[in-house]
């Protein structure tokens, strides 16, 4: 890390591109292609998404309770291999039940990689006094969404939707080679000093349940847009360009978002910034319901991309600062609650949209849930009187 901090950080970014940008979120732009080829209903699409998020929930729980401290690098590498295999297998079957199983396993390893990579990178950045780089690390999800979606139209034209999955698995293999060499965990010798400094600046641990509850509601609400926005655009008569462009916009919005929100949080306070970002996201989720144009979809996608990973960055940073000596476990618990919300969201939205033949009720419900989560966090703004929760260097 001391010799090559930039390479270490790039390794972390690539791990998020593989597990999250591709393994987890590539399903969203590929979904309309699969629905057209296989005649999936919205309800079936929702079940398939929920299967992935159920796996994500299990993976987050396991990452929180298993003793991973001594072998983080090994578990991370195993997770990357499984992530590649599950992405590849999605292009090899038309059997719905097998797809459910594959997406479940993919969800498990996505959570594992996210928690492990976050723990390794955030701990190293804290030790070396570069905590301000955490926003750059979490931009990996946005980069993954952006770059993977660029391949999708061409791969689909050449090889149909099956070839899209296989092609993205090959991209993941290439990225994994760099992660293998650049992202390695090592014992932290300076962590106690860093913990002592951070603990004096963090909200008290007793406030954690409020953060966890609000983050669970965020998971429940954001995932409706995160699963169906490309499908909604594809079915909208007002959207005339390639619907995958919406997901490219999401990726573009997500890339700088973590850096922007982290910078804003240092100036205005982490809790206050988290509340504002969730309110902004709720507006973006509801926007296509009240303003159904091509522009509204693009603005909605931009607001969504600009907030969903920023919210994750702020929430995981807050949680880690409350218990820095056990970052894997605390981030695991937070991610598990988030994943529990994600499991429920796509299923409810899919059933509602199949029943009403419209996504409007699902989007309004999702926006309301995220807004409620923001309201629950208002009580924590008092802790922002000490804004230097993360020391920028």
Protein backbone atom coordinates (compact mmCIF):
# COMPACT_ATOMS: atom_id res chain seq x y z
CA UNK A 1 0.00 0.00 0.00
CA UNK A 2 2.79 2.43 0.86
CA UNK A 3 4.62 1.71 -2.41
CA UNK A 4 1.61 1.64 -4.73
CA UNK A 5 -1.43 3.28 -3.10
CA UNK A 6 -2.95 4.15 -6.48
CA UNK A 7 -2.69 0.56 -7.77
CA UNK A 8 -4.23 -0.70 -4.52
CA UNK A 9 -7.13 1.72 -4.96
CA UNK A 10 -7.62 0.70 -8.62
CA UNK A 11 -7.72 -2.94 -7.49
CA UNK A 12 -10.53 -2.01 -5.10
CA UNK A 13 -12.38 -0.12 -7.83
CA UNK A 14 -12.09 -3.09 -10.22
CA UNK A 15 -13.44 -5.47 -7.55
CA UNK A 16 -16.58 -3.31 -7.23
CA UNK A 17 -16.89 -3.12 -11.03
CA UNK A 18 -16.94 -6.93 -11.18
CA UNK A 19 -19.19 -7.69 -8.21
CA UNK A 20 -21.56 -4.74 -8.31
CA UNK A 21 -21.44 -2.99 -11.69
CA UNK A 22 -21.55 -6.28 -13.61
CA UNK A 23 -22.45 -9.16 -11.25
CA UNK A 24 -25.27 -7.29 -9.57
CA UNK A 25 -26.48 -4.42 -11.75
CA UNK A 26 -25.97 -5.67 -15.32
CA UNK A 27 -29.31 -7.46 -14.89
CA UNK A 28 -31.15 -4.11 -15.14
CA UNK A 29 -30.18 -3.22 -18.75
CA UNK A 30 -30.24 -6.88 -19.86
CA UNK A 31 -33.73 -7.44 -18.37
CA UNK A 32 -35.72 -5.90 -21.28
CA UNK A 33 -33.73 -8.07 -23.74
CA UNK A 34 -34.53 -11.19 -21.69
CA UNK A 35 -38.20 -10.19 -21.35
CA UNK A 36 -38.54 -9.74 -25.12
CA UNK A 37 -36.81 -13.06 -25.91
CA UNK A 38 -38.28 -15.21 -23.12
CA UNK A 39 -41.63 -13.44 -22.55
CA UNK A 40 -40.97 -12.76 -18.86
CA UNK A 41 -43.78 -10.96 -17.07
CA UNK A 42 -42.88 -8.06 -14.77
CA UNK A 43 -43.70 -10.29 -11.81
CA UNK A 44 -41.26 -12.99 -13.01
CA UNK A 45 -38.62 -10.33 -13.61
CA UNK A 46 -39.21 -9.08 -10.07
CA UNK A 47 -38.80 -12.56 -8.60
CA UNK A 48 -35.52 -13.01 -10.47
CA UNK A 49 -34.25 -9.68 -9.13
CA UNK A 50 -35.41 -10.54 -5.61
CA UNK A 51 -33.58 -13.87 -5.81
CA UNK A 52 -30.34 -11.96 -6.40
CA UNK A 53 -31.06 -9.62 -3.50
CA UNK A 54 -31.99 -12.55 -1.26
CA UNK A 55 -28.53 -13.92 -2.01
CA UNK A 56 -27.09 -10.48 -1.28
CA UNK A 57 -28.84 -10.57 2.10
CA UNK A 58 -27.38 -14.01 2.93
CA UNK A 59 -23.92 -12.91 1.78
CA UNK A 60 -24.05 -9.79 3.93
CA UNK A 61 -25.09 -11.82 6.99
CA UNK A 62 -22.29 -14.34 6.41
CA UNK A 63 -19.74 -11.57 5.90
CA UNK A 64 -20.88 -10.07 9.19
CA UNK A 65 -20.70 -13.22 11.32
CA UNK A 66 -17.90 -15.34 9.82
CA UNK A 67 -14.35 -14.83 11.14
CA UNK A 68 -12.89 -13.25 7.99
CA UNK A 69 -10.23 -10.98 9.50
CA UNK A 70 -7.24 -13.24 8.88
CA UNK A 71 -8.02 -14.33 5.31
CA UNK A 72 -9.77 -11.37 3.65
CA UNK A 73 -7.66 -11.58 0.47
CA UNK A 74 -8.33 -15.30 0.02
CA UNK A 75 -12.10 -14.94 0.50
CA UNK A 76 -12.15 -11.94 -1.84
CA UNK A 77 -10.44 -13.91 -4.61
CA UNK A 78 -12.79 -16.87 -4.20
CA UNK A 79 -15.72 -14.45 -4.37
CA UNK A 80 -14.43 -12.93 -7.61
CA UNK A 81 -14.10 -16.36 -9.23
CA UNK A 82 -17.68 -17.26 -8.25
CA UNK A 83 -18.94 -13.89 -9.47
CA UNK A 84 -17.44 -14.53 -12.91
CA UNK A 85 -18.91 -18.04 -13.05
CA UNK A 86 -22.42 -16.88 -12.15
CA UNK A 87 -22.32 -14.07 -14.74
CA UNK A 88 -21.16 -16.59 -17.35
CA UNK A 89 -23.84 -19.13 -16.43
CA UNK A 90 -26.66 -16.60 -16.93
CA UNK A 91 -25.85 -16.72 -20.64
CA UNK A 92 -25.91 -20.52 -20.79
CA UNK A 93 -29.46 -21.31 -19.69
CA UNK A 94 -33.09 -20.53 -20.55
CA UNK A 95 -34.35 -22.52 -17.56
CA UNK A 96 -36.05 -20.07 -15.18
CA UNK A 97 -35.48 -22.10 -11.99
CA UNK A 98 -31.75 -22.40 -12.71
CA UNK A 99 -31.63 -18.64 -13.36
CA UNK A 100 -33.17 -18.08 -9.92
CA UNK A 101 -30.44 -20.21 -8.33
CA UNK A 102 -27.61 -18.58 -10.31
CA UNK A 103 -28.81 -15.07 -9.45
CA UNK A 104 -29.09 -16.07 -5.79
CA UNK A 105 -25.47 -17.30 -5.71
CA UNK A 106 -24.39 -14.18 -7.58
CA UNK A 107 -26.04 -12.09 -4.86
CA UNK A 108 -24.20 -13.97 -2.10
CA UNK A 109 -20.79 -13.36 -3.66
CA UNK A 110 -21.61 -9.73 -4.55
CA UNK A 111 -22.27 -8.95 -0.89
CA UNK A 112 -19.16 -10.86 0.19
CA UNK A 113 -16.96 -8.93 -2.24
CA UNK A 114 -18.54 -5.60 -1.34
CA UNK A 115 -18.09 -6.08 2.41
CA UNK A 116 -14.57 -7.53 2.14
CA UNK A 117 -13.31 -4.99 -0.40
CA UNK A 118 -14.84 -2.14 1.63
CA UNK A 119 -13.24 -3.42 4.82
CA UNK A 120 -9.79 -3.91 3.23
CA UNK A 121 -9.76 -0.58 1.41
CA UNK A 122 -11.34 1.60 4.14
CA UNK A 123 -9.01 0.16 6.80
CA UNK A 124 -5.94 0.76 4.62
CA UNK A 125 -7.03 4.30 3.77
CA UNK A 126 -7.61 5.07 7.46
CA UNK A 127 -4.17 3.73 8.41
CA UNK A 128 -2.35 5.72 5.72
CA UNK A 129 -4.27 8.94 6.36
CA UNK A 130 -6.04 8.88 3.01
CA UNK A 131 -9.66 8.50 4.13
CA UNK A 132 -10.63 11.19 1.63
CA UNK A 133 -10.00 8.59 -1.10
CA UNK A 134 -13.00 6.46 -0.03
CA UNK A 135 -15.25 8.26 -2.50
CA UNK A 136 -12.88 7.33 -5.33
CA UNK A 137 -13.07 3.68 -4.24
CA UNK A 138 -16.88 3.57 -4.28
CA UNK A 139 -16.91 5.12 -7.77
CA UNK A 140 -16.12 1.56 -8.90
CA UNK A 141 -19.83 0.75 -8.93
CA UNK A 142 -20.56 3.66 -11.26
CA UNK A 143 -17.62 2.78 -13.50
CA UNK A 144 -18.87 -0.83 -13.63
CA UNK A 145 -22.40 0.23 -14.59
CA UNK A 146 -21.14 2.71 -17.21
CA UNK A 147 -18.54 0.52 -18.94
CA UNK A 148 -20.53 -2.73 -18.85
CA UNK A 149 -23.58 -1.01 -20.36
CA UNK A 150 -21.48 0.37 -23.23
CA UNK A 151 -20.87 -3.24 -24.37
CA UNK A 152 -24.49 -4.35 -24.18
CA UNK A 153 -26.02 -3.02 -27.45
CA UNK A 154 -23.16 -4.41 -29.59
CA UNK A 155 -23.04 -7.76 -27.79
CA UNK A 156 -26.81 -8.08 -28.09
CA UNK A 157 -26.74 -7.34 -31.84
CA UNK A 158 -24.02 -9.95 -32.38
CA UNK A 159 -24.91 -12.70 -29.91
CA UNK A 160 -28.36 -11.88 -28.44
CA UNK A 161 -28.88 -11.52 -24.67
CA UNK A 162 -27.00 -14.76 -23.90
CA UNK A 163 -23.85 -13.34 -25.46
CA UNK A 164 -24.19 -10.19 -23.37
CA UNK A 165 -23.81 -12.20 -20.15
CA UNK A 166 -20.88 -14.24 -21.52
CA UNK A 167 -19.17 -11.11 -22.86
CA UNK A 168 -19.47 -9.36 -19.51
CA UNK A 169 -18.02 -12.45 -17.79
CA UNK A 170 -14.97 -12.17 -20.05
CA UNK A 171 -14.62 -8.49 -19.12
CA UNK A 172 -14.78 -9.57 -15.45
CA UNK A 173 -11.98 -12.09 -15.98
CA UNK A 174 -9.70 -9.37 -17.37
CA UNK A 175 -10.45 -7.04 -14.43
CA UNK A 176 -9.93 -9.87 -11.90
CA UNK A 177 -6.33 -10.36 -13.08
CA UNK A 178 -5.51 -6.82 -11.91
CA UNK A 179 -7.42 -7.22 -8.62
CA UNK A 180 -5.49 -10.41 -7.92
CA UNK A 181 -2.15 -8.60 -8.02
CA UNK A 182 -3.08 -5.18 -6.66
CA UNK A 183 -5.65 -5.67 -3.88
CA UNK A 184 -4.18 -7.50 -0.89
CA UNK A 185 -4.88 -7.16 2.80
CA UNK A 186 -2.09 -6.84 5.37
CA UNK A 187 -2.00 -6.36 9.17
CA UNK A 188 -2.73 -2.82 10.29
CA UNK A 189 -0.07 -1.56 12.66
CA UNK A 190 -1.39 1.99 13.13
CA UNK A 191 -5.11 1.28 13.42
CA UNK A 192 -5.41 1.87 17.18
CA UNK A 193 -4.25 5.45 16.92
CA UNK A 194 -6.65 6.03 14.05
CA UNK A 195 -9.55 4.44 15.93
CA UNK A 196 -9.01 6.62 18.94
CA UNK A 197 -9.08 9.73 16.76
CA UNK A 198 -12.21 8.68 14.85
CA UNK A 199 -14.21 7.50 17.85
CA UNK A 200 -14.14 11.01 19.35
CA UNK A 201 -15.72 12.36 16.15
CA UNK A 202 -18.41 9.75 15.39
CA UNK A 203 -22.08 9.61 16.41
CA UNK A 204 -22.64 7.39 19.48
CA UNK A 205 -23.17 3.68 18.89
CA UNK A 206 -26.68 3.91 20.37
CA UNK A 207 -27.73 5.91 17.27
CA UNK A 208 -26.79 3.01 14.98
CA UNK A 209 -30.32 1.42 14.96
CA UNK A 210 -31.70 4.62 13.38
CA UNK A 211 -29.06 4.47 10.67
CA UNK A 212 -29.67 0.76 10.06
CA UNK A 213 -33.47 1.21 9.83
CA UNK A 214 -33.18 4.16 7.45
CA UNK A 215 -30.66 2.28 5.31
CA UNK A 216 -33.03 -0.69 5.14
CA UNK A 217 -35.80 1.62 3.87
CA UNK A 218 -33.35 3.02 1.32
CA UNK A 219 -32.71 -0.53 0.11
CA UNK A 220 -36.45 -1.18 -0.18
CA UNK A 221 -37.14 2.01 -2.15
CA UNK A 222 -34.14 2.61 -4.40
CA UNK A 223 -34.11 -0.90 -5.83
CA UNK A 224 -37.43 -0.42 -7.63
CA UNK A 225 -35.79 2.14 -9.92
CA UNK A 226 -32.55 0.15 -9.79
CA UNK A 227 -34.32 -2.91 -11.22
CA UNK A 228 -36.96 -1.56 -13.59
CA UNK A 229 -35.93 1.88 -14.90
CA UNK A 230 -34.64 0.51 -18.24
CA UNK A 231 -37.75 -1.65 -18.68
CA UNK A 232 -40.00 1.33 -17.86
CA UNK A 233 -38.16 3.48 -20.43
CA UNK A 234 -38.31 0.68 -23.03
CA UNK A 235 -42.09 0.38 -22.65
CA UNK A 236 -42.72 4.14 -22.60
CA UNK A 237 -44.03 5.66 -25.87
CA UNK A 238 -42.22 8.91 -25.07
CA UNK A 239 -38.76 7.25 -25.00
CA UNK A 240 -37.44 6.95 -28.56
CA UNK A 241 -33.70 6.23 -28.11
CA UNK A 242 -32.03 2.96 -27.00
CA UNK A 243 -33.32 2.37 -23.42
CA UNK A 244 -29.87 1.16 -22.28
CA UNK A 245 -28.83 4.83 -22.55
CA UNK A 246 -30.78 5.40 -19.32
CA UNK A 247 -28.48 2.98 -17.50
CA UNK A 248 -25.39 4.62 -19.01
CA UNK A 249 -26.64 7.90 -17.50
CA UNK A 250 -27.05 6.14 -14.13
CA UNK A 251 -23.41 5.01 -14.32
CA UNK A 252 -22.20 8.47 -15.31
CA UNK A 253 -24.09 9.98 -12.38
CA UNK A 254 -22.69 7.39 -9.98
CA UNK A 255 -18.99 7.76 -10.91
CA UNK A 256 -18.31 11.15 -9.28
CA UNK A 257 -21.17 10.95 -6.77
CA UNK A 258 -19.26 9.37 -3.88
CA UNK A 259 -16.49 11.97 -4.08
CA UNK A 260 -19.01 14.82 -4.28
CA UNK A 261 -21.17 13.58 -1.39
CA UNK A 262 -18.12 12.81 0.80
CA UNK A 263 -16.75 16.32 0.17
CA UNK A 264 -20.13 17.87 0.95
CA UNK A 265 -20.42 15.75 4.11
CA UNK A 266 -17.08 16.99 5.45
CA UNK A 267 -18.28 20.55 5.07
CA UNK A 268 -21.94 20.26 6.11
CA UNK A 269 -22.00 17.13 8.29
CA UNK A 270 -22.45 13.48 7.36
CA UNK A 271 -25.97 12.94 8.73
CA UNK A 272 -27.35 16.16 7.25
CA UNK A 273 -25.85 15.27 3.86
CA UNK A 274 -27.29 11.75 4.05
CA UNK A 275 -30.78 13.15 4.73
CA UNK A 276 -30.50 15.56 1.79
CA UNK A 277 -29.27 12.87 -0.62
CA UNK A 278 -32.17 10.55 0.28
CA UNK A 279 -34.74 13.32 -0.23
CA UNK A 280 -33.18 14.10 -3.62
CA UNK A 281 -33.31 10.43 -4.57
CA UNK A 282 -37.00 10.14 -3.62
CA UNK A 283 -37.76 13.05 -5.98
CA UNK A 284 -35.86 11.31 -8.78
CA UNK A 285 -37.71 8.01 -8.24
CA UNK A 286 -41.14 9.67 -8.46
CA UNK A 287 -40.29 11.99 -11.38
CA UNK A 288 -41.44 9.74 -14.31
CA UNK A 289 -44.86 9.35 -12.67
CA UNK A 290 -45.64 13.06 -12.82
CA UNK A 291 -43.57 14.06 -15.87
CA UNK A 292 -43.50 11.32 -18.51
CA UNK A 293 -41.05 12.51 -21.17
CA UNK A 294 -37.67 11.39 -22.49
CA UNK A 295 -36.05 14.23 -20.52
CA UNK A 296 -37.71 13.11 -17.27
CA UNK A 297 -36.28 9.60 -17.63
CA UNK A 298 -32.78 10.98 -18.17
CA UNK A 299 -33.08 13.39 -15.21
CA UNK A 300 -34.52 10.58 -13.05
CA UNK A 301 -31.61 8.31 -14.07
CA UNK A 302 -29.09 11.06 -13.32
CA UNK A 303 -30.59 11.77 -9.87
CA UNK A 304 -30.70 8.05 -9.13
CA UNK A 305 -27.09 7.50 -10.24
CA UNK A 306 -25.94 10.60 -8.37
CA UNK A 307 -27.42 9.42 -5.06
CA UNK A 308 -27.60 5.65 -4.65
CA UNK A 309 -23.86 4.99 -4.22
CA UNK A 310 -23.35 8.31 -2.44
CA UNK A 311 -25.88 7.17 0.15
CA UNK A 312 -24.00 3.88 0.52
CA UNK A 313 -20.69 5.73 0.95
CA UNK A 314 -22.09 8.04 3.63
CA UNK A 315 -23.92 5.26 5.52
CA UNK A 316 -21.01 2.79 5.52
CA UNK A 317 -18.57 5.55 6.54
CA UNK A 318 -20.80 6.51 9.47
CA UNK A 319 -21.19 2.88 10.53
CA UNK A 320 -17.47 2.16 10.32
CA UNK A 321 -16.63 5.22 12.40
CA UNK A 322 -19.00 4.04 15.13
CA UNK A 323 -17.15 0.72 15.39
CA UNK A 324 -13.81 0.98 13.54
CA UNK A 325 -12.25 -2.02 15.25
CA UNK A 326 -14.85 -4.34 13.75
CA UNK A 327 -15.54 -2.79 10.36
CA UNK A 328 -16.36 -6.05 8.52
CA UNK A 329 -19.08 -6.97 11.00
CA UNK A 330 -20.66 -3.53 11.29
CA UNK A 331 -20.71 -2.98 7.50
CA UNK A 332 -22.06 -6.52 7.15
CA UNK A 333 -25.01 -5.82 9.46
CA UNK A 334 -25.77 -2.54 7.69
CA UNK A 335 -25.57 -4.21 4.28
CA UNK A 336 -27.81 -7.07 5.48
CA UNK A 337 -30.60 -4.65 6.40
CA UNK A 338 -30.19 -2.89 3.07
CA UNK A 339 -30.34 -6.25 1.30
CA UNK A 340 -33.47 -7.26 3.22
CA UNK A 341 -35.19 -4.17 1.81
CA UNK A 342 -33.92 -5.05 -1.66
CA UNK A 343 -35.44 -8.52 -1.47
CA UNK A 344 -38.91 -7.14 -0.89
CA UNK A 345 -38.83 -4.18 -3.29
CA UNK A 346 -38.65 -5.85 -6.73
CA UNK A 347 -41.22 -8.51 -5.84
CA UNK A 348 -43.79 -5.95 -4.65
CA UNK A 349 -43.06 -3.68 -7.62
CA UNK A 350 -43.26 -6.54 -10.11
CA UNK A 351 -46.57 -7.81 -8.75
CA UNK A 352 -48.04 -4.29 -8.55
CA UNK A 353 -47.01 -3.44 -12.11
CA UNK A 354 -48.32 -6.75 -13.48
CA UNK A 355 -51.65 -6.16 -11.69
CA UNK A 356 -52.05 -2.47 -12.60
CA UNK A 357 -50.23 -2.63 -15.97
CA UNK A 358 -48.25 0.41 -14.79
CA UNK A 359 -45.20 1.12 -12.65
CA UNK A 360 -46.67 4.36 -11.24
CA UNK A 361 -47.89 2.94 -7.93
CA UNK A 362 -44.60 1.07 -7.41
CA UNK A 363 -42.54 4.21 -8.06
CA UNK A 364 -44.68 6.39 -5.75
CA UNK A 365 -44.42 3.76 -3.01
CA UNK A 366 -40.65 3.48 -3.47
CA UNK A 367 -40.20 7.26 -3.34
CA UNK A 368 -42.31 7.45 -0.16
CA UNK A 369 -40.26 4.75 1.57
CA UNK A 370 -36.95 6.50 0.82
CA UNK A 371 -38.40 9.83 2.02
CA UNK A 372 -39.50 8.15 5.28
CA UNK A 373 -35.95 6.83 5.75
CA UNK A 374 -34.63 10.37 5.39
CA UNK A 375 -37.05 11.59 8.08
CA UNK A 376 -35.82 8.90 10.49
CA UNK A 377 -32.28 10.25 10.20
CA UNK A 378 -33.18 13.83 11.13
CA UNK A 379 -32.60 13.04 14.83
CA UNK A 380 -28.92 12.46 14.08
CA UNK A 381 -28.21 15.90 12.61
CA UNK A 382 -27.27 17.05 16.13
CA UNK A 383 -24.10 14.89 15.87
CA UNK A 384 -22.92 16.94 12.89
CA UNK A 385 -21.63 19.61 15.26
CA UNK A 386 -18.31 17.78 14.87
CA UNK A 387 -18.13 17.60 11.06
CA UNK A 388 -14.65 16.08 10.80
CA UNK A 389 -15.90 12.50 11.03
CA UNK A 390 -13.44 11.63 8.29
CA UNK A 391 -10.15 13.48 8.27
CA UNK A 392 -9.28 14.61 4.76
CA UNK A 393 -5.59 14.58 3.93
